[in-house]
Amino acid sequence: MFFLLIITVLPSLGLLWWVWADRRVRRLKHARWWRGLVGGFAGMMLGGFVWVIVARRMHVAAVPPVPWLAGVYLWHLLVLPLTVGVMVLVGFLVGMRRVGVWVWGCVGVRRMGAEGGGEVEGQNSELRIQNSEESEK
């Protein structure tokens, strides 16, 4: 059961990472080239993983080249879980911040400024700028 969990979760994490990385490199200059590199890397890692699993299940002696095999093992057992863990943690924190901003914005929490007067965050910012400009004149 544990083995089945591993051989399904690790490739799934690889696909999740590929989608995440592809979305990030879309914004870059020469995005088509970067997306090809990310897709090629993800495909090679997934292909190496599948090769290892199929070769072991069918008792095939053909193994991938050692550097590729080492890269596949390191990627799937060390780098990928840590990367996805950081992605999930950052996504959770960003989501919690958005919820906090939404909740505090709906409640209308007042923030004390340097002048001692309270104002709802985000409101009257133009008036404050205009008032400070008028007081300078």
C-alpha atoms as a PDB file:
ATOM      1  CA  MET A   1       0.000   0.000   0.000  1.00  0.00           C
ATOM      2  CA  PHE A   2       2.802   2.413   0.940  1.00  0.00           C
ATOM      3  CA  PHE A   3       4.660   1.588  -2.274  1.00  0.00           C
ATOM      4  CA  LEU A   4       1.542   2.303  -4.330  1.00  0.00           C
ATOM      5  CA  LEU A   5       1.166   5.642  -2.540  1.00  0.00           C
ATOM      6  CA  ILE A   6       4.751   6.590  -3.365  1.00  0.00           C
ATOM      7  CA  ILE A   7       4.584   5.637  -7.039  1.00  0.00           C
ATOM      8  CA  THR A   8       1.411   7.692  -7.497  1.00  0.00           C
ATOM      9  CA  VAL A   9       2.239  10.730  -5.338  1.00  0.00           C
ATOM     10  CA  LEU A  10       5.752  11.420  -6.629  1.00  0.00           C
ATOM     11  CA  PRO A  11       4.813  11.688 -10.327  1.00  0.00           C
ATOM     12  CA  SER A  12       1.764  13.732  -9.336  1.00  0.00           C
ATOM     13  CA  LEU A  13       4.000  16.155  -7.438  1.00  0.00           C
ATOM     14  CA  GLY A  14       6.201  16.346 -10.523  1.00  0.00           C
ATOM     15  CA  LEU A  15       3.221  17.296 -12.669  1.00  0.00           C
ATOM     16  CA  LEU A  16       2.112  19.848 -10.076  1.00  0.00           C
ATOM     17  CA  TRP A  17       5.594  21.360 -10.097  1.00  0.00           C
ATOM     18  CA  TRP A  18       5.597  21.454 -13.909  1.00  0.00           C
ATOM     19  CA  VAL A  19       2.300  23.376 -14.016  1.00  0.00           C
ATOM     20  CA  TRP A  20       3.553  25.789 -11.330  1.00  0.00           C
ATOM     21  CA  ALA A  21       6.900  26.358 -13.047  1.00  0.00           C
ATOM     22  CA  ASP A  22       5.280  26.709 -16.477  1.00  0.00           C
ATOM     23  CA  ARG A  23       3.024  29.461 -15.164  1.00  0.00           C
ATOM     24  CA  ARG A  24       6.032  31.274 -13.696  1.00  0.00           C
ATOM     25  CA  VAL A  25       8.163  31.180 -16.843  1.00  0.00           C
ATOM     26  CA  ARG A  26       5.298  32.331 -19.081  1.00  0.00           C
ATOM     27  CA  ARG A  27       5.965  35.887 -17.933  1.00  0.00           C
ATOM     28  CA  LEU A  28       9.663  35.854 -18.782  1.00  0.00           C
ATOM     29  CA  LYS A  29      11.351  37.188 -21.861  1.00  0.00           C
ATOM     30  CA  HIS A  30      11.767  34.342 -24.395  1.00  0.00           C
ATOM     31  CA  ALA A  31       8.981  32.489 -22.585  1.00  0.00           C
ATOM     32  CA  ARG A  32       8.625  29.874 -25.304  1.00  0.00           C
ATOM     33  CA  TRP A  33      12.246  28.824 -24.878  1.00  0.00           C
ATOM     34  CA  TRP A  34      11.974  28.716 -21.054  1.00  0.00           C
ATOM     35  CA  ARG A  35       8.718  26.771 -21.195  1.00  0.00           C
ATOM     36  CA  GLY A  36      10.409  24.218 -23.467  1.00  0.00           C
ATOM     37  CA  LEU A  37      13.262  23.825 -20.984  1.00  0.00           C
ATOM     38  CA  VAL A  38      10.887  23.419 -18.035  1.00  0.00           C
ATOM     39  CA  GLY A  39       8.742  20.935 -19.962  1.00  0.00           C
ATOM     40  CA  GLY A  40      11.802  18.999 -21.132  1.00  0.00           C
ATOM     41  CA  PHE A  41      13.179  18.807 -17.605  1.00  0.00           C
ATOM     42  CA  ALA A  42       9.834  17.691 -16.164  1.00  0.00           C
ATOM     43  CA  GLY A  43       9.451  15.133 -18.957  1.00  0.00           C
ATOM     44  CA  MET A  44      12.940  13.736 -18.386  1.00  0.00           C
ATOM     45  CA  MET A  45      12.347  13.405 -14.637  1.00  0.00           C
ATOM     46  CA  LEU A  46       8.958  11.774 -15.140  1.00  0.00           C
ATOM     47  CA  GLY A  47      10.339   9.529 -17.890  1.00  0.00           C
ATOM     48  CA  GLY A  48      13.234   8.449 -15.684  1.00  0.00           C
ATOM     49  CA  PHE A  49      10.865   7.694 -12.825  1.00  0.00           C
ATOM     50  CA  VAL A  50       8.600   5.612 -15.062  1.00  0.00           C
ATOM     51  CA  TRP A  51      11.633   3.829 -16.540  1.00  0.00           C
ATOM     52  CA  VAL A  52      12.899   2.829 -13.091  1.00  0.00           C
ATOM     53  CA  ILE A  53       9.484   1.602 -11.926  1.00  0.00           C
ATOM     54  CA  VAL A  54       8.714  -0.351 -15.114  1.00  0.00           C
ATOM     55  CA  ALA A  55      12.227  -1.845 -15.295  1.00  0.00           C
ATOM     56  CA  ARG A  56      11.998  -3.058 -11.695  1.00  0.00           C
ATOM     57  CA  ARG A  57       8.495  -4.482 -12.103  1.00  0.00           C
ATOM     58  CA  MET A  58       9.370  -6.341 -15.308  1.00  0.00           C
ATOM     59  CA  HIS A  59      12.846  -7.363 -14.150  1.00  0.00           C
ATOM     60  CA  VAL A  60      14.526  -5.604 -17.047  1.00  0.00           C
ATOM     61  CA  ALA A  61      18.264  -5.149 -16.700  1.00  0.00           C
ATOM     62  CA  ALA A  62      18.342  -1.946 -18.782  1.00  0.00           C
ATOM     63  CA  VAL A  63      18.736   0.992 -16.435  1.00  0.00           C
ATOM     64  CA  PRO A  64      19.068   4.647 -17.328  1.00  0.00           C
ATOM     65  CA  PRO A  65      22.541   6.203 -17.321  1.00  0.00           C
ATOM     66  CA  VAL A  66      23.831   6.670 -13.777  1.00  0.00           C
ATOM     67  CA  PRO A  67      23.855  10.515 -13.781  1.00  0.00           C
ATOM     68  CA  TRP A  68      20.259  10.583 -15.010  1.00  0.00           C
ATOM     69  CA  LEU A  69      19.241   7.933 -12.477  1.00  0.00           C
ATOM     70  CA  ALA A  70      20.912   9.871  -9.658  1.00  0.00           C
ATOM     71  CA  GLY A  71      19.179  13.045 -10.815  1.00  0.00           C
ATOM     72  CA  VAL A  72      15.797  11.290 -10.879  1.00  0.00           C
ATOM     73  CA  TYR A  73      16.284   9.927  -7.365  1.00  0.00           C
ATOM     74  CA  LEU A  74      17.497  13.251  -5.970  1.00  0.00           C
ATOM     75  CA  TRP A  75      14.712  15.162  -7.707  1.00  0.00           C
ATOM     76  CA  HIS A  76      11.863  12.907  -6.589  1.00  0.00           C
ATOM     77  CA  LEU A  77      13.051  12.095  -3.077  1.00  0.00           C
ATOM     78  CA  LEU A  78      14.672  15.362  -1.969  1.00  0.00           C
ATOM     79  CA  VAL A  79      14.184  18.414  -4.160  1.00  0.00           C
ATOM     80  CA  LEU A  80      10.590  17.906  -5.303  1.00  0.00           C
ATOM     81  CA  PRO A  81       9.025  17.257  -1.859  1.00  0.00           C
ATOM     82  CA  LEU A  82      10.856  20.262  -0.377  1.00  0.00           C
ATOM     83  CA  THR A  83       9.881  22.486  -3.309  1.00  0.00           C
ATOM     84  CA  VAL A  84       6.227  21.476  -3.208  1.00  0.00           C
ATOM     85  CA  GLY A  85       6.230  21.894   0.581  1.00  0.00           C
ATOM     86  CA  VAL A  86       7.510  25.452   0.234  1.00  0.00           C
ATOM     87  CA  MET A  87       4.961  26.122  -2.553  1.00  0.00           C
ATOM     88  CA  VAL A  88       2.125  24.919  -0.323  1.00  0.00           C
ATOM     89  CA  LEU A  89       3.378  26.897   2.693  1.00  0.00           C
ATOM     90  CA  VAL A  90       3.745  30.127   0.706  1.00  0.00           C
ATOM     91  CA  GLY A  91       0.337  29.596  -0.907  1.00  0.00           C
ATOM     92  CA  PHE A  92      -1.218  29.050   2.515  1.00  0.00           C
ATOM     93  CA  LEU A  93       0.405  32.176   3.967  1.00  0.00           C
ATOM     94  CA  VAL A  94      -0.601  34.317   0.989  1.00  0.00           C
ATOM     95  CA  GLY A  95      -4.142  32.963   1.231  1.00  0.00           C
ATOM     96  CA  MET A  96      -4.302  33.677   4.958  1.00  0.00           C
ATOM     97  CA  ARG A  97      -3.049  37.207   4.359  1.00  0.00           C
ATOM     98  CA  ARG A  98      -5.755  37.767   1.744  1.00  0.00           C
ATOM     99  CA  VAL A  99      -8.402  36.423   4.106  1.00  0.00           C
ATOM    100  CA  GLY A 100      -7.060  38.663   6.865  1.00  0.00           C
ATOM    101  CA  VAL A 101      -7.131  41.728   4.627  1.00  0.00           C
ATOM    102  CA  TRP A 102     -10.653  40.875   3.528  1.00  0.00           C
ATOM    103  CA  VAL A 103     -11.881  40.275   7.091  1.00  0.00           C
ATOM    104  CA  TRP A 104     -10.256  43.379   8.533  1.00  0.00           C
ATOM    105  CA  GLY A 105     -11.417  45.429   5.550  1.00  0.00           C
ATOM    106  CA  CYS A 106     -15.011  44.260   6.048  1.00  0.00           C
ATOM    107  CA  VAL A 107     -14.929  44.953   9.773  1.00  0.00           C
ATOM    108  CA  GLY A 108     -13.484  48.426   9.183  1.00  0.00           C
ATOM    109  CA  VAL A 109     -10.700  48.298  11.726  1.00  0.00           C
ATOM    110  CA  ARG A 110      -9.404  51.736  12.479  1.00  0.00           C
ATOM    111  CA  ARG A 111      -5.722  52.449  12.405  1.00  0.00           C
ATOM    112  CA  MET A 112      -4.205  55.210  14.491  1.00  0.00           C
ATOM    113  CA  GLY A 113      -2.079  57.536  12.408  1.00  0.00           C
ATOM    114  CA  ALA A 114       0.815  59.726  13.513  1.00  0.00           C
ATOM    115  CA  GLU A 115      -1.656  62.576  14.107  1.00  0.00           C
ATOM    116  CA  GLY A 116      -3.589  60.477  16.624  1.00  0.00           C
ATOM    117  CA  GLY A 117      -6.786  60.388  14.557  1.00  0.00           C
ATOM    118  CA  GLY A 118      -8.174  57.088  13.447  1.00  0.00           C
ATOM    119  CA  GLU A 119      -9.220  56.267   9.935  1.00  0.00           C
ATOM    120  CA  VAL A 120     -10.310  53.156   8.125  1.00  0.00           C
ATOM    121  CA  GLU A 121      -7.323  51.773   6.282  1.00  0.00           C
ATOM    122  CA  GLY A 122      -7.485  52.597   2.587  1.00  0.00           C
ATOM    123  CA  GLN A 123     -10.151  55.269   2.904  1.00  0.00           C
ATOM    124  CA  ASN A 124      -9.573  59.001   2.681  1.00  0.00           C
ATOM    125  CA  SER A 125      -6.009  58.568   1.451  1.00  0.00           C
ATOM    126  CA  GLU A 126      -6.599  61.154  -1.281  1.00  0.00           C
ATOM    127  CA  LEU A 127      -8.034  63.603   1.256  1.00  0.00           C
ATOM    128  CA  ARG A 128      -5.033  63.137   3.512  1.00  0.00           C
ATOM    129  CA  ILE A 129      -2.672  63.851   0.601  1.00  0.00           C
ATOM    130  CA  GLN A 130      -4.703  66.937  -0.394  1.00  0.00           C
ATOM    131  CA  ASN A 131      -4.791  68.188   3.214  1.00  0.00           C
ATOM    132  CA  SER A 132      -1.053  67.787   3.613  1.00  0.00           C
ATOM    133  CA  GLU A 133      -0.455  69.670   0.345  1.00  0.00           C
ATOM    134  CA  GLU A 134      -2.761  72.490   1.437  1.00  0.00           C
ATOM    135  CA  SER A 135      -1.087  72.779   4.827  1.00  0.00           C
ATOM    136  CA  GLU A 136       2.310  73.161   3.151  1.00  0.00           C
ATOM    137  CA  LYS A 137       1.081  76.225   1.199  1.00  0.00           C
END
